């Protein structure tokens, strides 16, 4: 067992991640992708579909913040999935992700912009 190759072709003993953890990692990835799609749908709605009666500035600001957040999540999700999979295969400790905090603050910013847009 000590001279076998690991699944990623690096020297050392094979170490397989329990499939339940692999599938949980995949579900987390898919949840982030669904979140990005929902946020992008919100951006499209604000920019093109909803008759909000807002001036162009607040509408554009809200739409662009939402679209940018969706882009960040869509780029980050597969990178995070891959990194977590590699760490699990090595038996390492997972680090906390900043994306939930970034998403929370961005959604809070959008909420503030929506409130301000309705007041102006």
PDB file of N, CA and C in Angstrom:
ATOM      1  N   UNK A   1       0.822  -1.190   0.000  1.00  0.00           N
ATOM      2  CA  UNK A   1       0.000   0.000   0.000  1.00  0.00           C
ATOM      3  C   UNK A   1       0.861   1.247   0.000  1.00  0.00           C
ATOM      4  N   UNK A   2       2.014   1.244   0.644  1.00  0.00           N
ATOM      5  CA  UNK A   2       2.865   2.424   0.714  1.00  0.00           C
ATOM      6  C   UNK A   2       3.488   2.808  -0.608  1.00  0.00           C
ATOM      7  N   UNK A   3       3.680   1.876  -1.539  1.00  0.00           N
ATOM      8  CA  UNK A   3       4.305   2.197  -2.815  1.00  0.00           C
ATOM      9  C   UNK A   3       3.291   2.430  -3.928  1.00  0.00           C
ATOM     10  N   UNK A   4       2.010   2.310  -3.622  1.00  0.00           N
ATOM     11  CA  UNK A   4       0.988   2.535  -4.639  1.00  0.00           C
ATOM     12  C   UNK A   4       0.889   4.024  -4.951  1.00  0.00           C
ATOM     13  N   UNK A   5       0.274   4.313  -6.077  1.00  0.00           N
ATOM     14  CA  UNK A   5       0.082   5.708  -6.470  1.00  0.00           C
ATOM     15  C   UNK A   5      -1.289   6.180  -6.003  1.00  0.00           C
ATOM     16  N   UNK A   6      -1.357   7.432  -5.616  1.00  0.00           N
ATOM     17  CA  UNK A   6      -2.632   8.016  -5.239  1.00  0.00           C
ATOM     18  C   UNK A   6      -3.442   8.271  -6.501  1.00  0.00           C
ATOM     19  N   UNK A   7      -4.750   8.516  -6.369  1.00  0.00           N
ATOM     20  CA  UNK A   7      -5.572   8.769  -7.541  1.00  0.00           C
ATOM     21  C   UNK A   7      -5.096   9.956  -8.375  1.00  0.00           C
ATOM     22  N   UNK A   8      -4.430  10.928  -7.773  1.00  0.00           N
ATOM     23  CA  UNK A   8      -3.960  12.092  -8.532  1.00  0.00           C
ATOM     24  C   UNK A   8      -2.530  11.890  -9.041  1.00  0.00           C
ATOM     25  N   UNK A   9      -2.030  10.650  -9.036  1.00  0.00           N
ATOM     26  CA  UNK A   9      -0.721  10.269  -9.571  1.00  0.00           C
ATOM     27  C   UNK A   9       0.464  10.882  -8.823  1.00  0.00           C
ATOM     28  N   UNK A  10       0.260  11.303  -7.592  1.00  0.00           N
ATOM     29  CA  UNK A  10       1.398  11.745  -6.789  1.00  0.00           C
ATOM     30  C   UNK A  10       1.836  10.579  -5.933  1.00  0.00           C
ATOM     31  N   UNK A  11       3.124  10.498  -5.608  1.00  0.00           N
ATOM     32  CA  UNK A  11       3.597   9.369  -4.804  1.00  0.00           C
ATOM     33  C   UNK A  11       2.954   9.352  -3.420  1.00  0.00           C
ATOM     34  N   UNK A  12       2.850   8.194  -2.875  1.00  0.00           N
ATOM     35  CA  UNK A  12       2.307   8.040  -1.532  1.00  0.00           C
ATOM     36  C   UNK A  12       1.165   7.039  -1.544  1.00  0.00           C
ATOM     37  N   UNK A  13       0.678   6.714  -0.359  1.00  0.00           N
ATOM     38  CA  UNK A  13      -0.409   5.739  -0.289  1.00  0.00           C
ATOM     39  C   UNK A  13      -1.695   6.310  -0.873  1.00  0.00           C
ATOM     40  N   UNK A  14      -2.511   5.411  -1.464  1.00  0.00           N
ATOM     41  CA  UNK A  14      -3.796   5.858  -1.992  1.00  0.00           C
ATOM     42  C   UNK A  14      -4.670   6.307  -0.837  1.00  0.00           C
ATOM     43  N   UNK A  15      -5.357   7.384  -1.051  1.00  0.00           N
ATOM     44  CA  UNK A  15      -6.268   7.886  -0.038  1.00  0.00           C
ATOM     45  C   UNK A  15      -7.547   8.279  -0.752  1.00  0.00           C
ATOM     46  N   UNK A  16      -8.595   7.539  -0.501  1.00  0.00           N
ATOM     47  CA  UNK A  16      -9.872   7.824  -1.137  1.00  0.00           C
ATOM     48  C   UNK A  16     -10.763   8.553  -0.147  1.00  0.00           C
ATOM     49  N   UNK A  17     -11.428   9.564  -0.634  1.00  0.00           N
ATOM     50  CA  UNK A  17     -12.355  10.325   0.197  1.00  0.00           C
ATOM     51  C   UNK A  17     -13.673   9.562   0.232  1.00  0.00           C
ATOM     52  N   UNK A  18     -14.245   9.481   1.415  1.00  0.00           N
ATOM     53  CA  UNK A  18     -15.558   8.848   1.564  1.00  0.00           C
ATOM     54  C   UNK A  18     -16.520   9.500   0.575  1.00  0.00           C
ATOM     55  N   UNK A  19     -17.239   8.694  -0.166  1.00  0.00           N
ATOM     56  CA  UNK A  19     -18.116   9.229  -1.209  1.00  0.00           C
ATOM     57  C   UNK A  19     -19.154  10.196  -0.658  1.00  0.00           C
ATOM     58  N   UNK A  20     -19.547  10.022   0.605  1.00  0.00           N
ATOM     59  CA  UNK A  20     -20.525  10.942   1.192  1.00  0.00           C
ATOM     60  C   UNK A  20     -19.971  12.353   1.265  1.00  0.00           C
ATOM     61  N   UNK A  21     -18.676  12.479   1.585  1.00  0.00           N
ATOM     62  CA  UNK A  21     -18.051  13.805   1.638  1.00  0.00           C
ATOM     63  C   UNK A  21     -17.879  14.388   0.242  1.00  0.00           C
ATOM     64  N   UNK A  22     -17.551  13.527  -0.710  1.00  0.00           N
ATOM     65  CA  UNK A  22     -17.427  13.981  -2.095  1.00  0.00           C
ATOM     66  C   UNK A  22     -18.766  14.498  -2.608  1.00  0.00           C
ATOM     67  N   UNK A  23     -19.825  13.751  -2.333  1.00  0.00           N
ATOM     68  CA  UNK A  23     -21.152  14.179  -2.778  1.00  0.00           C
ATOM     69  C   UNK A  23     -21.621  15.424  -2.036  1.00  0.00           C
ATOM     70  N   UNK A  24     -21.276  15.554  -0.763  1.00  0.00           N
ATOM     71  CA  UNK A  24     -21.620  16.768  -0.022  1.00  0.00           C
ATOM     72  C   UNK A  24     -20.899  17.975  -0.618  1.00  0.00           C
ATOM     73  N   UNK A  25     -19.653  17.795  -0.997  1.00  0.00           N
ATOM     74  CA  UNK A  25     -18.896  18.862  -1.641  1.00  0.00           C
ATOM     75  C   UNK A  25     -19.560  19.248  -2.961  1.00  0.00           C
ATOM     76  N   UNK A  26     -20.012  18.250  -3.710  1.00  0.00           N
ATOM     77  CA  UNK A  26     -20.684  18.524  -4.983  1.00  0.00           C
ATOM     78  C   UNK A  26     -22.012  19.252  -4.762  1.00  0.00           C
ATOM     79  N   UNK A  27     -22.756  18.862  -3.740  1.00  0.00           N
ATOM     80  CA  UNK A  27     -24.024  19.545  -3.443  1.00  0.00           C
ATOM     81  C   UNK A  27     -23.778  20.998  -3.065  1.00  0.00           C
ATOM     82  N   UNK A  28     -22.720  21.249  -2.327  1.00  0.00           N
ATOM     83  CA  UNK A  28     -22.378  22.625  -1.969  1.00  0.00           C
ATOM     84  C   UNK A  28     -22.041  23.435  -3.214  1.00  0.00           C
ATOM     85  N   UNK A  29     -21.258  22.843  -4.115  1.00  0.00           N
ATOM     86  CA  UNK A  29     -20.938  23.502  -5.383  1.00  0.00           C
ATOM     87  C   UNK A  29     -22.216  23.844  -6.140  1.00  0.00           C
ATOM     88  N   UNK A  30     -23.118  22.870  -6.269  1.00  0.00           N
ATOM     89  CA  UNK A  30     -24.357  23.108  -7.002  1.00  0.00           C
ATOM     90  C   UNK A  30     -25.226  24.163  -6.325  1.00  0.00           C
ATOM     91  N   UNK A  31     -25.201  24.213  -5.003  1.00  0.00           N
ATOM     92  CA  UNK A  31     -25.958  25.247  -4.290  1.00  0.00           C
ATOM     93  C   UNK A  31     -25.415  26.639  -4.611  1.00  0.00           C
ATOM     94  N   UNK A  32     -24.092  26.767  -4.689  1.00  0.00           N
ATOM     95  CA  UNK A  32     -23.502  28.063  -5.050  1.00  0.00           C
ATOM     96  C   UNK A  32     -23.859  28.431  -6.483  1.00  0.00           C
ATOM     97  N   UNK A  33     -23.891  27.459  -7.395  1.00  0.00           N
ATOM     98  CA  UNK A  33     -24.266  27.744  -8.776  1.00  0.00           C
ATOM     99  C   UNK A  33     -25.731  28.167  -8.847  1.00  0.00           C
ATOM    100  N   UNK A  34     -26.605  27.508  -8.104  1.00  0.00           N
ATOM    101  CA  UNK A  34     -28.022  27.920  -8.062  1.00  0.00           C
ATOM    102  C   UNK A  34     -28.150  29.326  -7.509  1.00  0.00           C
ATOM    103  N   UNK A  35     -27.369  29.635  -6.501  1.00  0.00           N
ATOM    104  CA  UNK A  35     -27.392  30.982  -5.935  1.00  0.00           C
ATOM    105  C   UNK A  35     -26.967  32.010  -6.970  1.00  0.00           C
ATOM    106  N   UNK A  36     -25.897  31.702  -7.699  1.00  0.00           N
ATOM    107  CA  UNK A  36     -25.432  32.623  -8.745  1.00  0.00           C
ATOM    108  C   UNK A  36     -26.505  32.824  -9.813  1.00  0.00           C
ATOM    109  N   UNK A  37     -27.174  31.749 -10.227  1.00  0.00           N
ATOM    110  CA  UNK A  37     -28.236  31.864 -11.229  1.00  0.00           C
ATOM    111  C   UNK A  37     -29.411  32.690 -10.716  1.00  0.00           C
ATOM    112  N   UNK A  38     -29.786  32.501  -9.469  1.00  0.00           N
ATOM    113  CA  UNK A  38     -30.888  33.276  -8.898  1.00  0.00           C
ATOM    114  C   UNK A  38     -30.528  34.757  -8.815  1.00  0.00           C
ATOM    115  N   UNK A  39     -29.309  35.055  -8.414  1.00  0.00           N
ATOM    116  CA  UNK A  39     -28.872  36.444  -8.325  1.00  0.00           C
ATOM    117  C   UNK A  39     -28.797  37.066  -9.721  1.00  0.00           C
ATOM    118  N   UNK A  40     -28.326  36.307 -10.694  1.00  0.00           N
ATOM    119  CA  UNK A  40     -28.282  36.804 -12.067  1.00  0.00           C
ATOM    120  C   UNK A  40     -29.693  37.059 -12.600  1.00  0.00           C
ATOM    121  N   UNK A  41     -30.631  36.180 -12.280  1.00  0.00           N
ATOM    122  CA  UNK A  41     -32.022  36.396 -12.682  1.00  0.00           C
ATOM    123  C   UNK A  41     -32.560  37.687 -12.059  1.00  0.00           C
ATOM    124  N   UNK A  42     -32.186  37.947 -10.808  1.00  0.00           N
ATOM    125  CA  UNK A  42     -32.578  39.203 -10.169  1.00  0.00           C
ATOM    126  C   UNK A  42     -31.986  40.406 -10.881  1.00  0.00           C
ATOM    127  N   UNK A  43     -30.735  40.280 -11.318  1.00  0.00           N
ATOM    128  CA  UNK A  43     -30.093  41.381 -12.045  1.00  0.00           C
ATOM    129  C   UNK A  43     -30.816  41.654 -13.360  1.00  0.00           C
ATOM    130  N   UNK A  44     -31.148  40.605 -14.094  1.00  0.00           N
ATOM    131  CA  UNK A  44     -31.862  40.766 -15.365  1.00  0.00           C
ATOM    132  C   UNK A  44     -33.229  41.403 -15.115  1.00  0.00           C
ATOM    133  N   UNK A  45     -33.901  40.953 -14.076  1.00  0.00           N
ATOM    134  CA  UNK A  45     -35.220  41.505 -13.763  1.00  0.00           C
ATOM    135  C   UNK A  45     -35.133  42.994 -13.446  1.00  0.00           C
ATOM    136  N   UNK A  46     -34.179  43.368 -12.624  1.00  0.00           N
ATOM    137  CA  UNK A  46     -34.039  44.780 -12.247  1.00  0.00           C
ATOM    138  C   UNK A  46     -33.661  45.631 -13.452  1.00  0.00           C
ATOM    139  N   UNK A  47     -32.747  45.124 -14.273  1.00  0.00           N
ATOM    140  CA  UNK A  47     -32.259  45.919 -15.395  1.00  0.00           C
ATOM    141  C   UNK A  47     -33.232  45.976 -16.573  1.00  0.00           C
ATOM    142  N   UNK A  48     -34.030  44.927 -16.788  1.00  0.00           N
ATOM    143  CA  UNK A  48     -34.791  44.867 -18.034  1.00  0.00           C
ATOM    144  C   UNK A  48     -36.273  44.575 -17.906  1.00  0.00           C
ATOM    145  N   UNK A  49     -36.721  43.987 -16.822  1.00  0.00           N
ATOM    146  CA  UNK A  49     -38.095  43.481 -16.814  1.00  0.00           C
ATOM    147  C   UNK A  49     -39.058  44.231 -15.896  1.00  0.00           C
ATOM    148  N   UNK A  50     -38.591  44.630 -14.746  1.00  0.00           N
ATOM    149  CA  UNK A  50     -39.510  45.194 -13.763  1.00  0.00           C
ATOM    150  C   UNK A  50     -39.750  46.681 -14.000  1.00  0.00           C
ATOM    151  N   UNK A  51     -41.011  47.087 -14.031  1.00  0.00           N
ATOM    152  CA  UNK A  51     -41.310  48.519 -14.129  1.00  0.00           C
ATOM    153  C   UNK A  51     -41.285  49.148 -12.733  1.00  0.00           C
ATOM    154  N   UNK A  52     -40.093  49.414 -12.235  1.00  0.00           N
ATOM    155  CA  UNK A  52     -39.944  49.891 -10.864  1.00  0.00           C
ATOM    156  C   UNK A  52     -40.196  51.383 -10.710  1.00  0.00           C
ATOM    157  N   UNK A  53     -40.146  52.125 -11.785  1.00  0.00           N
ATOM    158  CA  UNK A  53     -40.317  53.564 -11.677  1.00  0.00           C
ATOM    159  C   UNK A  53     -39.109  54.259 -11.078  1.00  0.00           C
ATOM    160  N   UNK A  54     -37.986  53.574 -11.043  1.00  0.00           N
ATOM    161  CA  UNK A  54     -36.761  54.174 -10.521  1.00  0.00           C
ATOM    162  C   UNK A  54     -36.093  54.995 -11.608  1.00  0.00           C
ATOM    163  N   UNK A  55     -35.255  55.901 -11.168  1.00  0.00           N
ATOM    164  CA  UNK A  55     -34.412  56.580 -12.145  1.00  0.00           C
ATOM    165  C   UNK A  55     -33.349  55.583 -12.618  1.00  0.00           C
ATOM    166  N   UNK A  56     -32.680  55.925 -13.691  1.00  0.00           N
ATOM    167  CA  UNK A  56     -31.716  55.005 -14.304  1.00  0.00           C
ATOM    168  C   UNK A  56     -30.549  54.665 -13.372  1.00  0.00           C
ATOM    169  N   UNK A  57     -30.101  55.607 -12.545  1.00  0.00           N
ATOM    170  CA  UNK A  57     -28.947  55.383 -11.661  1.00  0.00           C
ATOM    171  C   UNK A  57     -29.136  54.247 -10.667  1.00  0.00           C
ATOM    172  N   UNK A  58     -30.165  54.312  -9.813  1.00  0.00           N
ATOM    173  CA  UNK A  58     -30.360  53.220  -8.851  1.00  0.00           C
ATOM    174  C   UNK A  58     -30.631  51.872  -9.513  1.00  0.00           C
ATOM    175  N   UNK A  59     -31.400  51.882 -10.588  1.00  0.00           N
ATOM    176  CA  UNK A  59     -31.706  50.627 -11.284  1.00  0.00           C
ATOM    177  C   UNK A  59     -30.416  49.995 -11.819  1.00  0.00           C
ATOM    178  N   UNK A  60     -29.565  50.802 -12.438  1.00  0.00           N
ATOM    179  CA  UNK A  60     -28.306  50.294 -12.976  1.00  0.00           C
ATOM    180  C   UNK A  60     -27.380  49.829 -11.856  1.00  0.00           C
ATOM    181  N   UNK A  61     -27.314  50.592 -10.767  1.00  0.00           N
ATOM    182  CA  UNK A  61     -26.445  50.218  -9.639  1.00  0.00           C
ATOM    183  C   UNK A  61     -26.849  48.868  -9.056  1.00  0.00           C
ATOM    184  N   UNK A  62     -28.148  48.695  -8.808  1.00  0.00           N
ATOM    185  CA  UNK A  62     -28.626  47.429  -8.239  1.00  0.00           C
ATOM    186  C   UNK A  62     -28.365  46.278  -9.211  1.00  0.00           C
ATOM    187  N   UNK A  63     -28.681  46.486 -10.479  1.00  0.00           N
ATOM    188  CA  UNK A  63     -28.479  45.428 -11.471  1.00  0.00           C
ATOM    189  C   UNK A  63     -27.025  45.037 -11.629  1.00  0.00           C
ATOM    190  N   UNK A  64     -26.146  46.029 -11.646  1.00  0.00           N
ATOM    191  CA  UNK A  64     -24.724  45.719 -11.820  1.00  0.00           C
ATOM    192  C   UNK A  64     -24.120  45.055 -10.591  1.00  0.00           C
ATOM    193  N   UNK A  65     -24.536  45.478  -9.398  1.00  0.00           N
ATOM    194  CA  UNK A  65     -24.043  44.814  -8.178  1.00  0.00           C
ATOM    195  C   UNK A  65     -24.493  43.356  -8.175  1.00  0.00           C
ATOM    196  N   UNK A  66     -25.739  43.110  -8.535  1.00  0.00           N
ATOM    197  CA  UNK A  66     -26.234  41.731  -8.576  1.00  0.00           C
ATOM    198  C   UNK A  66     -25.500  40.906  -9.635  1.00  0.00           C
ATOM    199  N   UNK A  67     -25.312  41.486 -10.819  1.00  0.00           N
ATOM    200  CA  UNK A  67     -24.621  40.752 -11.887  1.00  0.00           C
ATOM    201  C   UNK A  67     -23.169  40.458 -11.498  1.00  0.00           C
ATOM    202  N   UNK A  68     -22.495  41.427 -10.884  1.00  0.00           N
ATOM    203  CA  UNK A  68     -21.109  41.214 -10.460  1.00  0.00           C
ATOM    204  C   UNK A  68     -21.026  40.129  -9.391  1.00  0.00           C
ATOM    205  N   UNK A  69     -21.942  40.154  -8.443  1.00  0.00           N
ATOM    206  CA  UNK A  69     -21.959  39.131  -7.395  1.00  0.00           C
ATOM    207  C   UNK A  69     -22.192  37.749  -8.001  1.00  0.00           C
ATOM    208  N   UNK A  70     -23.104  37.652  -8.952  1.00  0.00           N
ATOM    209  CA  UNK A  70     -23.351  36.363  -9.615  1.00  0.00           C
ATOM    210  C   UNK A  70     -22.093  35.879 -10.321  1.00  0.00           C
ATOM    211  N   UNK A  71     -21.376  36.784 -10.963  1.00  0.00           N
ATOM    212  CA  UNK A  71     -20.132  36.409 -11.637  1.00  0.00           C
ATOM    213  C   UNK A  71     -19.070  35.921 -10.671  1.00  0.00           C
ATOM    214  N   UNK A  72     -18.932  36.613  -9.550  1.00  0.00           N
ATOM    215  CA  UNK A  72     -17.945  36.207  -8.539  1.00  0.00           C
ATOM    216  C   UNK A  72     -18.267  34.813  -8.014  1.00  0.00           C
ATOM    217  N   UNK A  73     -19.529  34.577  -7.720  1.00  0.00           N
ATOM    218  CA  UNK A  73     -19.931  33.264  -7.198  1.00  0.00           C
ATOM    219  C   UNK A  73     -19.700  32.176  -8.241  1.00  0.00           C
ATOM    220  N   UNK A  74     -20.052  32.462  -9.498  1.00  0.00           N
ATOM    221  CA  UNK A  74     -19.902  31.461 -10.562  1.00  0.00           C
ATOM    222  C   UNK A  74     -18.438  31.107 -10.805  1.00  0.00           C
ATOM    223  N   UNK A  75     -17.538  32.050 -10.628  1.00  0.00           N
ATOM    224  CA  UNK A  75     -16.103  31.767 -10.789  1.00  0.00           C
ATOM    225  C   UNK A  75     -15.554  31.068  -9.550  1.00  0.00           C
ATOM    226  N   UNK A  76     -16.013  31.489  -8.390  1.00  0.00           N
ATOM    227  CA  UNK A  76     -15.484  30.953  -7.139  1.00  0.00           C
ATOM    228  C   UNK A  76     -15.929  29.506  -6.887  1.00  0.00           C
ATOM    229  N   UNK A  77     -17.170  29.175  -7.228  1.00  0.00           N
ATOM    230  CA  UNK A  77     -17.743  27.864  -6.884  1.00  0.00           C
ATOM    231  C   UNK A  77     -16.918  26.683  -7.388  1.00  0.00           C
ATOM    232  N   UNK A  78     -16.543  26.628  -8.670  1.00  0.00           N
ATOM    233  CA  UNK A  78     -15.758  25.466  -9.095  1.00  0.00           C
ATOM    234  C   UNK A  78     -14.349  25.459  -8.509  1.00  0.00           C
ATOM    235  N   UNK A  79     -13.788  26.640  -8.278  1.00  0.00           N
ATOM    236  CA  UNK A  79     -12.460  26.692  -7.652  1.00  0.00           C
ATOM    237  C   UNK A  79     -12.516  26.153  -6.231  1.00  0.00           C
ATOM    238  N   UNK A  80     -13.538  26.545  -5.498  1.00  0.00           N
ATOM    239  CA  UNK A  80     -13.716  26.060  -4.133  1.00  0.00           C
ATOM    240  C   UNK A  80     -13.970  24.549  -4.129  1.00  0.00           C
ATOM    241  N   UNK A  81     -14.830  24.080  -5.030  1.00  0.00           N
ATOM    242  CA  UNK A  81     -15.117  22.645  -5.107  1.00  0.00           C
ATOM    243  C   UNK A  81     -13.827  21.852  -5.327  1.00  0.00           C
ATOM    244  N   UNK A  82     -13.023  22.283  -6.283  1.00  0.00           N
ATOM    245  CA  UNK A  82     -11.782  21.577  -6.599  1.00  0.00           C
ATOM    246  C   UNK A  82     -10.808  21.610  -5.414  1.00  0.00           C
ATOM    247  N   UNK A  83     -10.661  22.789  -4.808  1.00  0.00           N
ATOM    248  CA  UNK A  83      -9.731  22.923  -3.686  1.00  0.00           C
ATOM    249  C   UNK A  83     -10.158  22.042  -2.509  1.00  0.00           C
ATOM    250  N   UNK A  84     -11.435  22.017  -2.200  1.00  0.00           N
ATOM    251  CA  UNK A  84     -11.935  21.184  -1.097  1.00  0.00           C
ATOM    252  C   UNK A  84     -11.716  19.709  -1.411  1.00  0.00           C
ATOM    253  N   UNK A  85     -11.960  19.313  -2.659  1.00  0.00           N
ATOM    254  CA  UNK A  85     -11.763  17.919  -3.041  1.00  0.00           C
ATOM    255  C   UNK A  85     -10.296  17.516  -2.862  1.00  0.00           C
ATOM    256  N   UNK A  86      -9.383  18.382  -3.269  1.00  0.00           N
ATOM    257  CA  UNK A  86      -7.955  18.093  -3.130  1.00  0.00           C
ATOM    258  C   UNK A  86      -7.548  18.014  -1.661  1.00  0.00           C
ATOM    259  N   UNK A  87      -8.034  18.927  -0.852  1.00  0.00           N
ATOM    260  CA  UNK A  87      -7.705  18.916   0.581  1.00  0.00           C
ATOM    261  C   UNK A  87      -8.238  17.650   1.237  1.00  0.00           C
ATOM    262  N   UNK A  88      -9.462  17.260   0.893  1.00  0.00           N
ATOM    263  CA  UNK A  88     -10.029  16.037   1.477  1.00  0.00           C
ATOM    264  C   UNK A  88      -9.245  14.810   1.056  1.00  0.00           C
ATOM    265  N   UNK A  89      -8.782  14.785  -0.196  1.00  0.00           N
ATOM    266  CA  UNK A  89      -8.031  13.609  -0.652  1.00  0.00           C
ATOM    267  C   UNK A  89      -6.675  13.502   0.037  1.00  0.00           C
ATOM    268  N   UNK A  90      -6.140  14.627   0.499  1.00  0.00           N
ATOM    269  CA  UNK A  90      -4.872  14.608   1.238  1.00  0.00           C
ATOM    270  C   UNK A  90      -5.084  14.457   2.737  1.00  0.00           C
ATOM    271  N   UNK A  91      -6.349  14.521   3.173  1.00  0.00           N
ATOM    272  CA  UNK A  91      -6.640  14.401   4.599  1.00  0.00           C
ATOM    273  C   UNK A  91      -6.351  15.676   5.361  1.00  0.00           C
ATOM    274  N   UNK A  92      -6.320  16.799   4.673  1.00  0.00           N
ATOM    275  CA  UNK A  92      -6.013  18.072   5.309  1.00  0.00           C
ATOM    276  C   UNK A  92      -7.228  18.711   5.952  1.00  0.00           C
ATOM    277  N   UNK A  93      -6.978  19.809   6.627  1.00  0.00           N
ATOM    278  CA  UNK A  93      -8.039  20.565   7.285  1.00  0.00           C
ATOM    279  C   UNK A  93      -8.592  21.607   6.316  1.00  0.00           C
ATOM    280  N   UNK A  94      -9.902  21.746   6.324  1.00  0.00           N
ATOM    281  CA  UNK A  94     -10.544  22.736   5.457  1.00  0.00           C
ATOM    282  C   UNK A  94     -10.491  24.114   6.101  1.00  0.00           C
ATOM    283  N   UNK A  95     -10.264  25.100   5.260  1.00  0.00           N
ATOM    284  CA  UNK A  95     -10.262  26.485   5.732  1.00  0.00           C
ATOM    285  C   UNK A  95     -11.642  27.075   5.500  1.00  0.00           C
ATOM    286  N   UNK A  96     -11.972  28.055   6.323  1.00  0.00           N
ATOM    287  CA  UNK A  96     -13.251  28.731   6.147  1.00  0.00           C
ATOM    288  C   UNK A  96     -13.228  29.536   4.861  1.00  0.00           C
ATOM    289  N   UNK A  97     -14.382  29.654   4.256  1.00  0.00           N
ATOM    290  CA  UNK A  97     -14.537  30.400   3.017  1.00  0.00           C
ATOM    291  C   UNK A  97     -15.044  31.808   3.326  1.00  0.00           C
ATOM    292  N   UNK A  98     -14.570  32.774   2.564  1.00  0.00           N
ATOM    293  CA  UNK A  98     -15.049  34.144   2.713  1.00  0.00           C
ATOM    294  C   UNK A  98     -16.297  34.421   1.878  1.00  0.00           C
ATOM    295  N   UNK A  99     -16.626  33.533   0.952  1.00  0.00           N
ATOM    296  CA  UNK A  99     -17.742  33.804   0.050  1.00  0.00           C
ATOM    297  C   UNK A  99     -19.074  34.014   0.768  1.00  0.00           C
ATOM    298  N   UNK A 100     -19.424  33.261   1.803  1.00  0.00           N
ATOM    299  CA  UNK A 100     -20.688  33.561   2.487  1.00  0.00           C
ATOM    300  C   UNK A 100     -20.726  34.973   3.069  1.00  0.00           C
ATOM    301  N   UNK A 101     -19.603  35.440   3.583  1.00  0.00           N
ATOM    302  CA  UNK A 101     -19.546  36.792   4.138  1.00  0.00           C
ATOM    303  C   UNK A 101     -19.668  37.826   3.022  1.00  0.00           C
ATOM    304  N   UNK A 102     -18.945  37.620   1.932  1.00  0.00           N
ATOM    305  CA  UNK A 102     -19.011  38.539   0.790  1.00  0.00           C
ATOM    306  C   UNK A 102     -20.430  38.580   0.234  1.00  0.00           C
ATOM    307  N   UNK A 103     -21.042  37.424   0.087  1.00  0.00           N
ATOM    308  CA  UNK A 103     -22.410  37.359  -0.430  1.00  0.00           C
ATOM    309  C   UNK A 103     -23.376  38.082   0.499  1.00  0.00           C
ATOM    310  N   UNK A 104     -23.229  37.885   1.794  1.00  0.00           N
ATOM    311  CA  UNK A 104     -24.100  38.535   2.764  1.00  0.00           C
ATOM    312  C   UNK A 104     -23.990  40.050   2.674  1.00  0.00           C
ATOM    313  N   UNK A 105     -22.771  40.570   2.631  1.00  0.00           N
ATOM    314  CA  UNK A 105     -22.594  42.018   2.540  1.00  0.00           C
ATOM    315  C   UNK A 105     -23.096  42.564   1.205  1.00  0.00           C
ATOM    316  N   UNK A 106     -22.886  41.835   0.119  1.00  0.00           N
ATOM    317  CA  UNK A 106     -23.363  42.301  -1.186  1.00  0.00           C
ATOM    318  C   UNK A 106     -24.886  42.321  -1.239  1.00  0.00           C
ATOM    319  N   UNK A 107     -25.524  41.296  -0.695  1.00  0.00           N
ATOM    320  CA  UNK A 107     -26.989  41.278  -0.664  1.00  0.00           C
ATOM    321  C   UNK A 107     -27.496  42.403   0.244  1.00  0.00           C
ATOM    322  N   UNK A 108     -26.818  42.652   1.337  1.00  0.00           N
ATOM    323  CA  UNK A 108     -27.184  43.783   2.198  1.00  0.00           C
ATOM    324  C   UNK A 108     -27.056  45.118   1.472  1.00  0.00           C
ATOM    325  N   UNK A 109     -25.998  45.258   0.670  1.00  0.00           N
ATOM    326  CA  UNK A 109     -25.818  46.464  -0.129  1.00  0.00           C
ATOM    327  C   UNK A 109     -26.948  46.619  -1.136  1.00  0.00           C
ATOM    328  N   UNK A 110     -27.320  45.538  -1.779  1.00  0.00           N
ATOM    329  CA  UNK A 110     -28.434  45.594  -2.737  1.00  0.00           C
ATOM    330  C   UNK A 110     -29.730  45.977  -2.020  1.00  0.00           C
ATOM    331  N   UNK A 111     -29.951  45.420  -0.846  1.00  0.00           N
ATOM    332  CA  UNK A 111     -31.137  45.794  -0.076  1.00  0.00           C
ATOM    333  C   UNK A 111     -31.143  47.290   0.225  1.00  0.00           C
ATOM    334  N   UNK A 112     -30.015  47.816   0.629  1.00  0.00           N
ATOM    335  CA  UNK A 112     -29.907  49.255   0.898  1.00  0.00           C
ATOM    336  C   UNK A 112     -30.182  50.063  -0.367  1.00  0.00           C
ATOM    337  N   UNK A 113     -29.626  49.628  -1.489  1.00  0.00           N
ATOM    338  CA  UNK A 113     -29.856  50.328  -2.754  1.00  0.00           C
ATOM    339  C   UNK A 113     -31.321  50.280  -3.169  1.00  0.00           C
ATOM    340  N   UNK A 114     -31.982  49.146  -2.947  1.00  0.00           N
ATOM    341  CA  UNK A 114     -33.408  49.031  -3.262  1.00  0.00           C
ATOM    342  C   UNK A 114     -34.201  49.983  -2.393  1.00  0.00           C
ATOM    343  N   UNK A 115     -33.895  50.012  -1.101  1.00  0.00           N
ATOM    344  CA  UNK A 115     -34.610  50.929  -0.202  1.00  0.00           C
ATOM    345  C   UNK A 115     -34.381  52.376  -0.600  1.00  0.00           C
ATOM    346  N   UNK A 116     -33.129  52.721  -0.906  1.00  0.00           N
ATOM    347  CA  UNK A 116     -32.837  54.087  -1.334  1.00  0.00           C
ATOM    348  C   UNK A 116     -33.502  54.408  -2.662  1.00  0.00           C
ATOM    349  N   UNK A 117     -33.524  53.434  -3.567  1.00  0.00           N
ATOM    350  CA  UNK A 117     -34.176  53.642  -4.862  1.00  0.00           C
ATOM    351  C   UNK A 117     -35.656  53.904  -4.726  1.00  0.00           C
ATOM    352  N   UNK A 118     -36.281  53.263  -3.742  1.00  0.00           N
ATOM    353  CA  UNK A 118     -37.710  53.489  -3.519  1.00  0.00           C
ATOM    354  C   UNK A 118     -37.976  54.814  -2.827  1.00  0.00           C
ATOM    355  N   UNK A 119     -37.005  55.290  -2.066  1.00  0.00           N
ATOM    356  CA  UNK A 119     -37.188  56.558  -1.356  1.00  0.00           C
ATOM    357  C   UNK A 119     -36.922  57.760  -2.269  1.00  0.00           C
ATOM    358  N   UNK A 120     -36.057  57.561  -3.268  1.00  0.00           N
ATOM    359  CA  UNK A 120     -35.693  58.692  -4.133  1.00  0.00           C
ATOM    360  C   UNK A 120     -36.622  58.867  -5.290  1.00  0.00           C
TER     361      UNK A 120
END
